[in-house]
Amino acid sequence: MAGTLTVWKFPTETGADTAVATLQDLRRRKLITLHDAAVVSWPAEAHKPKTRQLHNLPGIGALGGTFWGLLFGILFFIPLVGAVVGAGMGAVAGALTDIGIDDKFIKELRDRITPGTSALFVLTSNAVLDRVHDEFRGQSPELISTNLSHEQEAKLRRAFAE
């Protein structure tokens, strides 16, 4: 399965949840294929964010709870739910680096996902970009990261610019 992993930041703690509802509708109308997703919501008064993998979407689970648990554990120092006990952090960091999640990526996410914001981590394919863009109008998503080519990423950023 070839997919696009993107991370979208929202200026409110509930923005990512609103985006999930939009994605569910787009999936239902066959305008995007969702392979996996997870949400981070960080209430302004909380010390750590809340994280959850989406289990209520058909076909979800391509990356699995262990992946999301490791990623969010490293990002926000949250206990690694579902992670393999005894795995060395060096081995974990090496495995994440192999798929493009390096220290720079981790630092950028830590710096940008802050109290009072939320983020949507989503693995998709077959998106009809202009239709997807129309549905997200007014939600103010900010693309933090993607595995698209530079040209594709620039096009996506332009499409979602206010």
N, C-alpha and C. Protein backbone atom coordinates (compact mmCIF):
# COMPACT_ATOMS: atom_id res chain seq x y z
N MET A 1 0.84 -1.16 0.00
CA MET A 1 0.00 0.00 0.00
C MET A 1 0.89 1.23 0.00
N ALA A 2 0.79 2.04 -1.04
CA ALA A 2 1.49 3.31 -1.06
C ALA A 2 0.55 4.35 -0.49
N GLY A 3 1.04 5.09 0.46
CA GLY A 3 0.18 6.09 1.08
C GLY A 3 0.96 7.34 1.40
N THR A 4 0.23 8.36 1.76
CA THR A 4 0.82 9.62 2.14
C THR A 4 0.56 9.83 3.63
N LEU A 5 1.64 9.98 4.39
CA LEU A 5 1.52 10.28 5.81
C LEU A 5 1.63 11.79 5.97
N THR A 6 0.59 12.41 6.51
CA THR A 6 0.62 13.85 6.74
C THR A 6 0.28 14.13 8.20
N VAL A 7 0.80 15.25 8.68
CA VAL A 7 0.51 15.73 10.02
C VAL A 7 -0.05 17.14 9.88
N TRP A 8 -1.27 17.33 10.36
CA TRP A 8 -1.96 18.61 10.28
C TRP A 8 -2.14 19.16 11.68
N LYS A 9 -1.77 20.42 11.89
CA LYS A 9 -1.97 21.09 13.18
C LYS A 9 -3.19 22.00 13.06
N PHE A 10 -3.95 22.07 14.15
CA PHE A 10 -5.13 22.93 14.21
C PHE A 10 -4.97 23.90 15.38
N PRO A 11 -5.47 25.13 15.24
CA PRO A 11 -5.25 26.15 16.26
C PRO A 11 -6.10 25.99 17.53
N THR A 12 -6.94 24.97 17.57
CA THR A 12 -7.76 24.72 18.76
C THR A 12 -7.58 23.27 19.19
N GLU A 13 -7.94 22.99 20.43
CA GLU A 13 -7.79 21.62 20.93
C GLU A 13 -8.82 20.66 20.33
N THR A 14 -9.86 21.18 19.69
CA THR A 14 -10.89 20.31 19.08
C THR A 14 -10.82 20.29 17.55
N GLY A 15 -9.92 21.06 16.97
CA GLY A 15 -9.83 21.14 15.51
C GLY A 15 -9.60 19.81 14.83
N ALA A 16 -8.72 18.98 15.40
CA ALA A 16 -8.43 17.68 14.78
C ALA A 16 -9.65 16.78 14.80
N ASP A 17 -10.46 16.86 15.85
CA ASP A 17 -11.68 16.05 15.91
C ASP A 17 -12.68 16.47 14.84
N THR A 18 -12.77 17.77 14.60
CA THR A 18 -13.63 18.26 13.52
C THR A 18 -13.12 17.73 12.18
N ALA A 19 -11.80 17.74 12.01
CA ALA A 19 -11.21 17.23 10.76
C ALA A 19 -11.49 15.75 10.57
N VAL A 20 -11.52 14.98 11.65
CA VAL A 20 -11.83 13.55 11.55
C VAL A 20 -13.22 13.35 10.98
N ALA A 21 -14.18 14.14 11.47
CA ALA A 21 -15.55 14.04 10.94
C ALA A 21 -15.57 14.37 9.45
N THR A 22 -14.80 15.37 9.04
CA THR A 22 -14.71 15.74 7.63
C THR A 22 -14.10 14.60 6.82
N LEU A 23 -13.02 14.00 7.35
CA LEU A 23 -12.39 12.87 6.65
C LEU A 23 -13.33 11.69 6.53
N GLN A 24 -14.11 11.42 7.56
CA GLN A 24 -15.06 10.32 7.50
C GLN A 24 -16.07 10.54 6.39
N ASP A 25 -16.54 11.78 6.25
CA ASP A 25 -17.49 12.10 5.19
C ASP A 25 -16.83 11.97 3.82
N LEU A 26 -15.59 12.45 3.68
CA LEU A 26 -14.87 12.33 2.41
C LEU A 26 -14.64 10.86 2.05
N ARG A 27 -14.31 10.04 3.06
CA ARG A 27 -14.12 8.61 2.83
C ARG A 27 -15.42 7.96 2.36
N ARG A 28 -16.52 8.33 3.02
CA ARG A 28 -17.82 7.77 2.67
C ARG A 28 -18.18 8.09 1.21
N ARG A 29 -17.80 9.30 0.76
CA ARG A 29 -18.09 9.72 -0.62
C ARG A 29 -17.01 9.28 -1.60
N LYS A 30 -16.04 8.48 -1.12
CA LYS A 30 -14.96 7.93 -1.94
C LYS A 30 -14.07 9.00 -2.57
N LEU A 31 -13.85 10.10 -1.82
CA LEU A 31 -12.98 11.17 -2.28
C LEU A 31 -11.59 11.07 -1.67
N ILE A 32 -11.41 10.12 -0.75
CA ILE A 32 -10.12 9.86 -0.13
C ILE A 32 -10.15 8.45 0.45
N THR A 33 -9.01 7.80 0.46
CA THR A 33 -8.89 6.49 1.10
C THR A 33 -8.09 6.68 2.38
N LEU A 34 -8.67 6.30 3.52
CA LEU A 34 -8.01 6.39 4.82
C LEU A 34 -7.45 5.03 5.19
N HIS A 35 -6.15 5.00 5.47
CA HIS A 35 -5.51 3.75 5.87
C HIS A 35 -5.28 3.69 7.37
N ASP A 36 -5.02 4.83 7.98
CA ASP A 36 -4.80 4.88 9.42
C ASP A 36 -4.80 6.34 9.85
N ALA A 37 -5.09 6.56 11.12
CA ALA A 37 -5.11 7.93 11.63
C ALA A 37 -5.03 7.92 13.14
N ALA A 38 -4.53 9.02 13.67
CA ALA A 38 -4.48 9.22 15.11
C ALA A 38 -4.61 10.72 15.38
N VAL A 39 -5.17 11.03 16.54
CA VAL A 39 -5.43 12.41 16.92
C VAL A 39 -4.68 12.74 18.20
N VAL A 40 -4.15 13.95 18.24
CA VAL A 40 -3.56 14.51 19.46
C VAL A 40 -4.37 15.76 19.77
N SER A 41 -4.92 15.83 20.98
CA SER A 41 -5.60 17.05 21.41
C SER A 41 -4.99 17.47 22.74
N TRP A 42 -4.67 18.75 22.83
CA TRP A 42 -3.95 19.23 24.01
C TRP A 42 -4.73 20.40 24.62
N PRO A 43 -5.56 20.10 25.63
CA PRO A 43 -6.27 21.19 26.31
C PRO A 43 -5.29 22.20 26.88
N ALA A 44 -5.67 23.46 26.85
CA ALA A 44 -4.77 24.54 27.25
C ALA A 44 -4.26 24.38 28.68
N GLU A 45 -5.08 23.82 29.57
CA GLU A 45 -4.69 23.71 30.97
C GLU A 45 -3.97 22.40 31.31
N ALA A 46 -3.84 21.50 30.36
CA ALA A 46 -3.26 20.19 30.61
C ALA A 46 -1.73 20.21 30.49
N HIS A 47 -1.09 19.30 31.24
CA HIS A 47 0.37 19.17 31.18
C HIS A 47 0.81 18.33 29.99
N LYS A 48 -0.03 17.41 29.57
CA LYS A 48 0.28 16.54 28.43
C LYS A 48 -0.96 16.42 27.55
N PRO A 49 -0.75 16.12 26.28
CA PRO A 49 -1.90 15.98 25.38
C PRO A 49 -2.58 14.62 25.55
N LYS A 50 -3.79 14.55 25.03
CA LYS A 50 -4.52 13.29 24.94
C LYS A 50 -4.28 12.75 23.53
N THR A 51 -4.07 11.45 23.41
CA THR A 51 -3.85 10.86 22.10
C THR A 51 -4.80 9.68 21.91
N ARG A 52 -5.17 9.45 20.66
CA ARG A 52 -5.99 8.27 20.37
C ARG A 52 -5.85 7.88 18.91
N GLN A 53 -5.84 6.60 18.69
CA GLN A 53 -5.86 6.07 17.34
C GLN A 53 -7.32 5.92 16.94
N LEU A 54 -7.62 6.20 15.70
CA LEU A 54 -9.00 6.05 15.24
C LEU A 54 -9.25 4.59 14.91
N HIS A 55 -10.19 4.01 15.60
CA HIS A 55 -10.54 2.61 15.37
C HIS A 55 -11.90 2.47 14.71
N ASN A 56 -12.63 3.56 14.59
CA ASN A 56 -14.00 3.48 14.09
C ASN A 56 -14.12 3.70 12.59
N LEU A 57 -13.01 3.70 11.87
CA LEU A 57 -13.06 3.87 10.42
C LEU A 57 -12.74 2.55 9.74
N PRO A 58 -13.55 2.14 8.76
CA PRO A 58 -13.24 0.90 8.05
C PRO A 58 -11.86 0.95 7.42
N GLY A 59 -11.10 -0.12 7.57
CA GLY A 59 -9.78 -0.21 6.96
C GLY A 59 -8.67 0.40 7.79
N ILE A 60 -9.02 1.03 8.90
CA ILE A 60 -8.01 1.66 9.75
C ILE A 60 -7.17 0.58 10.43
N GLY A 61 -5.90 0.86 10.59
CA GLY A 61 -5.04 -0.06 11.31
C GLY A 61 -3.77 -0.41 10.56
N ALA A 62 -3.46 0.30 9.49
CA ALA A 62 -2.29 -0.02 8.68
C ALA A 62 -1.00 0.14 9.47
N LEU A 63 -0.92 1.15 10.32
CA LEU A 63 0.30 1.36 11.10
C LEU A 63 0.22 0.68 12.45
N GLY A 64 -0.94 0.64 13.04
CA GLY A 64 -1.13 -0.08 14.29
C GLY A 64 -0.83 0.72 15.53
N GLY A 65 -1.38 0.23 16.64
CA GLY A 65 -1.25 0.90 17.92
C GLY A 65 0.17 1.01 18.40
N THR A 66 1.01 0.02 18.08
CA THR A 66 2.39 0.08 18.54
C THR A 66 3.10 1.26 17.90
N PHE A 67 2.90 1.47 16.62
CA PHE A 67 3.53 2.60 15.93
C PHE A 67 3.10 3.91 16.58
N TRP A 68 1.78 4.12 16.72
CA TRP A 68 1.30 5.38 17.29
C TRP A 68 1.77 5.51 18.73
N GLY A 69 1.75 4.43 19.49
CA GLY A 69 2.21 4.47 20.88
C GLY A 69 3.67 4.89 20.97
N LEU A 70 4.51 4.32 20.12
CA LEU A 70 5.93 4.69 20.12
C LEU A 70 6.12 6.15 19.71
N LEU A 71 5.46 6.55 18.64
CA LEU A 71 5.61 7.92 18.16
C LEU A 71 5.17 8.93 19.21
N PHE A 72 3.97 8.74 19.77
CA PHE A 72 3.46 9.70 20.75
C PHE A 72 4.24 9.62 22.05
N GLY A 73 4.73 8.44 22.39
CA GLY A 73 5.56 8.30 23.58
C GLY A 73 6.84 9.11 23.46
N ILE A 74 7.47 9.04 22.29
CA ILE A 74 8.70 9.80 22.05
C ILE A 74 8.40 11.30 21.95
N LEU A 75 7.31 11.65 21.28
CA LEU A 75 6.96 13.07 21.10
C LEU A 75 6.63 13.76 22.40
N PHE A 76 5.78 13.14 23.21
CA PHE A 76 5.21 13.83 24.35
C PHE A 76 5.54 13.17 25.69
N PHE A 77 6.48 12.22 25.66
CA PHE A 77 6.90 11.53 26.88
C PHE A 77 5.72 10.86 27.58
N ILE A 78 4.82 10.31 26.76
CA ILE A 78 3.66 9.58 27.26
C ILE A 78 4.08 8.12 27.36
N PRO A 79 3.65 7.40 28.38
CA PRO A 79 3.99 5.98 28.46
C PRO A 79 3.65 5.26 27.16
N LEU A 80 4.49 4.37 26.75
CA LEU A 80 4.37 3.73 25.45
C LEU A 80 3.36 2.58 25.49
N VAL A 81 2.09 2.92 25.42
CA VAL A 81 1.02 1.93 25.42
C VAL A 81 1.14 1.09 24.16
N GLY A 82 1.15 -0.21 24.31
CA GLY A 82 1.21 -1.11 23.16
C GLY A 82 2.61 -1.33 22.64
N ALA A 83 3.61 -0.66 23.18
CA ALA A 83 4.98 -0.83 22.70
C ALA A 83 5.57 -2.11 23.26
N VAL A 84 6.52 -2.64 22.56
CA VAL A 84 7.17 -3.86 22.99
C VAL A 84 8.00 -3.57 24.23
N VAL A 85 7.75 -4.34 25.30
CA VAL A 85 8.47 -4.14 26.55
C VAL A 85 9.93 -4.53 26.35
N GLY A 86 10.81 -3.72 26.85
CA GLY A 86 12.23 -4.03 26.78
C GLY A 86 12.91 -3.54 25.51
N ALA A 87 12.16 -2.93 24.59
CA ALA A 87 12.80 -2.42 23.37
C ALA A 87 13.66 -1.23 23.75
N GLY A 88 14.90 -1.23 23.31
CA GLY A 88 15.80 -0.11 23.61
C GLY A 88 15.39 1.12 22.83
N MET A 89 15.52 2.30 23.44
CA MET A 89 15.14 3.53 22.76
C MET A 89 16.00 3.76 21.52
N GLY A 90 17.24 3.30 21.54
CA GLY A 90 18.08 3.43 20.35
C GLY A 90 17.52 2.64 19.19
N ALA A 91 17.05 1.43 19.47
CA ALA A 91 16.45 0.60 18.42
C ALA A 91 15.16 1.23 17.91
N VAL A 92 14.36 1.78 18.82
CA VAL A 92 13.12 2.44 18.44
C VAL A 92 13.42 3.66 17.57
N ALA A 93 14.36 4.48 18.02
CA ALA A 93 14.72 5.68 17.25
C ALA A 93 15.24 5.30 15.87
N GLY A 94 16.04 4.23 15.80
CA GLY A 94 16.56 3.77 14.52
C GLY A 94 15.46 3.31 13.59
N ALA A 95 14.48 2.60 14.14
CA ALA A 95 13.37 2.12 13.31
C ALA A 95 12.54 3.28 12.79
N LEU A 96 12.30 4.29 13.63
CA LEU A 96 11.53 5.45 13.18
C LEU A 96 12.30 6.25 12.14
N THR A 97 13.61 6.37 12.31
CA THR A 97 14.44 7.09 11.35
C THR A 97 14.36 6.42 9.98
N ASP A 98 14.30 5.09 9.97
CA ASP A 98 14.22 4.35 8.70
C ASP A 98 12.98 4.71 7.90
N ILE A 99 11.92 5.16 8.57
CA ILE A 99 10.71 5.54 7.83
C ILE A 99 10.53 7.06 7.77
N GLY A 100 11.61 7.79 8.04
CA GLY A 100 11.58 9.23 7.86
C GLY A 100 11.21 10.03 9.09
N ILE A 101 11.16 9.38 10.25
CA ILE A 101 10.85 10.09 11.48
C ILE A 101 12.13 10.21 12.27
N ASP A 102 12.83 11.33 12.08
CA ASP A 102 14.13 11.53 12.72
C ASP A 102 14.02 12.56 13.84
N ASP A 103 15.14 12.87 14.47
CA ASP A 103 15.15 13.81 15.59
C ASP A 103 14.63 15.19 15.19
N LYS A 104 14.95 15.64 13.99
CA LYS A 104 14.48 16.94 13.52
C LYS A 104 12.95 16.97 13.43
N PHE A 105 12.37 15.90 12.89
CA PHE A 105 10.92 15.76 12.77
C PHE A 105 10.28 15.77 14.17
N ILE A 106 10.84 15.01 15.09
CA ILE A 106 10.32 14.92 16.45
C ILE A 106 10.35 16.30 17.11
N LYS A 107 11.49 17.01 16.98
CA LYS A 107 11.63 18.33 17.58
C LYS A 107 10.61 19.31 16.99
N GLU A 108 10.44 19.27 15.67
CA GLU A 108 9.49 20.18 15.04
C GLU A 108 8.08 19.94 15.56
N LEU A 109 7.68 18.67 15.68
CA LEU A 109 6.35 18.37 16.18
C LEU A 109 6.20 18.82 17.63
N ARG A 110 7.21 18.55 18.45
CA ARG A 110 7.17 18.98 19.86
C ARG A 110 7.03 20.50 19.98
N ASP A 111 7.73 21.22 19.12
CA ASP A 111 7.70 22.68 19.17
C ASP A 111 6.37 23.26 18.69
N ARG A 112 5.70 22.56 17.79
CA ARG A 112 4.51 23.13 17.16
C ARG A 112 3.19 22.64 17.73
N ILE A 113 3.17 21.44 18.29
CA ILE A 113 1.95 20.94 18.92
C ILE A 113 2.05 21.28 20.40
N THR A 114 1.29 22.28 20.80
CA THR A 114 1.43 22.88 22.12
C THR A 114 0.06 22.93 22.81
N PRO A 115 0.03 23.27 24.11
CA PRO A 115 -1.25 23.39 24.79
C PRO A 115 -2.20 24.33 24.04
N GLY A 116 -3.46 23.92 23.94
CA GLY A 116 -4.47 24.70 23.24
C GLY A 116 -4.60 24.38 21.76
N THR A 117 -3.79 23.43 21.27
CA THR A 117 -3.85 23.03 19.85
C THR A 117 -4.18 21.54 19.74
N SER A 118 -4.33 21.09 18.52
CA SER A 118 -4.53 19.67 18.25
C SER A 118 -3.85 19.33 16.93
N ALA A 119 -3.70 18.03 16.68
CA ALA A 119 -3.07 17.59 15.44
C ALA A 119 -3.71 16.29 14.97
N LEU A 120 -3.71 16.13 13.67
CA LEU A 120 -4.21 14.91 13.04
C LEU A 120 -3.07 14.29 12.27
N PHE A 121 -2.75 13.04 12.59
CA PHE A 121 -1.75 12.25 11.89
C PHE A 121 -2.55 11.28 11.04
N VAL A 122 -2.36 11.32 9.72
CA VAL A 122 -3.23 10.52 8.86
C VAL A 122 -2.44 9.91 7.70
N LEU A 123 -2.73 8.64 7.42
CA LEU A 123 -2.16 7.93 6.29
C LEU A 123 -3.29 7.73 5.29
N THR A 124 -3.13 8.37 4.11
CA THR A 124 -4.19 8.36 3.09
C THR A 124 -3.62 8.01 1.72
N SER A 125 -4.52 7.80 0.79
CA SER A 125 -4.16 7.69 -0.62
C SER A 125 -5.39 8.06 -1.44
N ASN A 126 -5.19 8.21 -2.72
CA ASN A 126 -6.28 8.46 -3.66
C ASN A 126 -7.14 9.67 -3.31
N ALA A 127 -6.53 10.73 -2.83
CA ALA A 127 -7.29 11.92 -2.48
C ALA A 127 -7.59 12.75 -3.72
N VAL A 128 -8.82 13.23 -3.81
CA VAL A 128 -9.22 14.18 -4.84
C VAL A 128 -8.99 15.55 -4.20
N LEU A 129 -7.77 16.12 -4.41
CA LEU A 129 -7.31 17.26 -3.63
C LEU A 129 -8.23 18.48 -3.68
N ASP A 130 -8.75 18.83 -4.83
CA ASP A 130 -9.59 20.03 -4.87
C ASP A 130 -10.86 19.84 -4.06
N ARG A 131 -11.44 18.65 -4.08
CA ARG A 131 -12.66 18.37 -3.30
C ARG A 131 -12.34 18.31 -1.81
N VAL A 132 -11.19 17.69 -1.48
CA VAL A 132 -10.77 17.63 -0.08
C VAL A 132 -10.55 19.05 0.44
N HIS A 133 -9.87 19.87 -0.34
CA HIS A 133 -9.63 21.27 0.04
C HIS A 133 -10.93 21.99 0.34
N ASP A 134 -11.91 21.84 -0.54
CA ASP A 134 -13.19 22.51 -0.34
C ASP A 134 -13.83 22.13 0.99
N GLU A 135 -13.72 20.88 1.36
CA GLU A 135 -14.35 20.40 2.60
C GLU A 135 -13.64 20.93 3.85
N PHE A 136 -12.35 21.23 3.74
CA PHE A 136 -11.60 21.71 4.90
C PHE A 136 -11.58 23.24 5.01
N ARG A 137 -12.20 23.92 4.08
CA ARG A 137 -12.23 25.38 4.11
C ARG A 137 -12.81 25.85 5.44
N GLY A 138 -12.14 26.77 6.09
CA GLY A 138 -12.60 27.31 7.35
C GLY A 138 -12.09 26.58 8.59
N GLN A 139 -11.45 25.42 8.42
CA GLN A 139 -10.95 24.67 9.58
C GLN A 139 -9.52 25.08 9.96
N SER A 140 -8.86 25.85 9.14
CA SER A 140 -7.51 26.39 9.40
C SER A 140 -6.45 25.33 9.69
N PRO A 141 -6.38 24.27 8.89
CA PRO A 141 -5.29 23.31 9.12
C PRO A 141 -3.97 23.87 8.65
N GLU A 142 -2.91 23.49 9.36
CA GLU A 142 -1.55 23.86 8.98
C GLU A 142 -0.78 22.57 8.74
N LEU A 143 -0.27 22.38 7.54
CA LEU A 143 0.50 21.18 7.23
C LEU A 143 1.85 21.28 7.92
N ILE A 144 2.13 20.32 8.82
CA ILE A 144 3.41 20.29 9.51
C ILE A 144 4.38 19.39 8.76
N SER A 145 3.92 18.24 8.31
CA SER A 145 4.84 17.29 7.69
C SER A 145 4.10 16.37 6.74
N THR A 146 4.81 15.94 5.71
CA THR A 146 4.27 14.99 4.76
C THR A 146 5.41 14.24 4.09
N ASN A 147 5.12 13.07 3.56
CA ASN A 147 6.13 12.34 2.81
C ASN A 147 5.95 12.52 1.30
N LEU A 148 5.22 13.55 0.90
CA LEU A 148 5.07 13.87 -0.51
C LEU A 148 6.37 14.45 -1.05
N SER A 149 6.52 14.44 -2.36
CA SER A 149 7.67 15.11 -2.97
C SER A 149 7.55 16.61 -2.69
N HIS A 150 8.64 17.35 -2.88
CA HIS A 150 8.61 18.80 -2.66
C HIS A 150 7.55 19.47 -3.52
N GLU A 151 7.45 19.05 -4.76
CA GLU A 151 6.47 19.63 -5.67
C GLU A 151 5.05 19.33 -5.20
N GLN A 152 4.80 18.07 -4.80
CA GLN A 152 3.47 17.70 -4.32
C GLN A 152 3.14 18.43 -3.02
N GLU A 153 4.13 18.55 -2.13
CA GLU A 153 3.91 19.24 -0.86
C GLU A 153 3.57 20.72 -1.09
N ALA A 154 4.30 21.38 -2.00
CA ALA A 154 4.03 22.79 -2.31
C ALA A 154 2.61 22.95 -2.85
N LYS A 155 2.19 22.03 -3.70
CA LYS A 155 0.85 22.07 -4.26
C LYS A 155 -0.19 21.90 -3.15
N LEU A 156 0.05 20.97 -2.23
CA LEU A 156 -0.86 20.74 -1.12
C LEU A 156 -0.93 21.96 -0.20
N ARG A 157 0.22 22.55 0.10
CA ARG A 157 0.23 23.75 0.94
C ARG A 157 -0.55 24.89 0.28
N ARG A 158 -0.36 25.07 -1.03
CA ARG A 158 -1.08 26.11 -1.74
C ARG A 158 -2.59 25.85 -1.70
N ALA A 159 -2.98 24.59 -1.87
CA ALA A 159 -4.39 24.24 -1.88
C ALA A 159 -5.07 24.55 -0.55
N PHE A 160 -4.33 24.39 0.55
CA PHE A 160 -4.93 24.58 1.86
C PHE A 160 -4.65 25.95 2.46
N ALA A 161 -3.92 26.81 1.77
CA ALA A 161 -3.66 28.16 2.27
C ALA A 161 -4.96 28.94 2.32
N GLU A 162 -5.12 29.74 3.34
CA GLU A 162 -6.34 30.54 3.47
C GLU A 162 -6.37 31.63 2.42
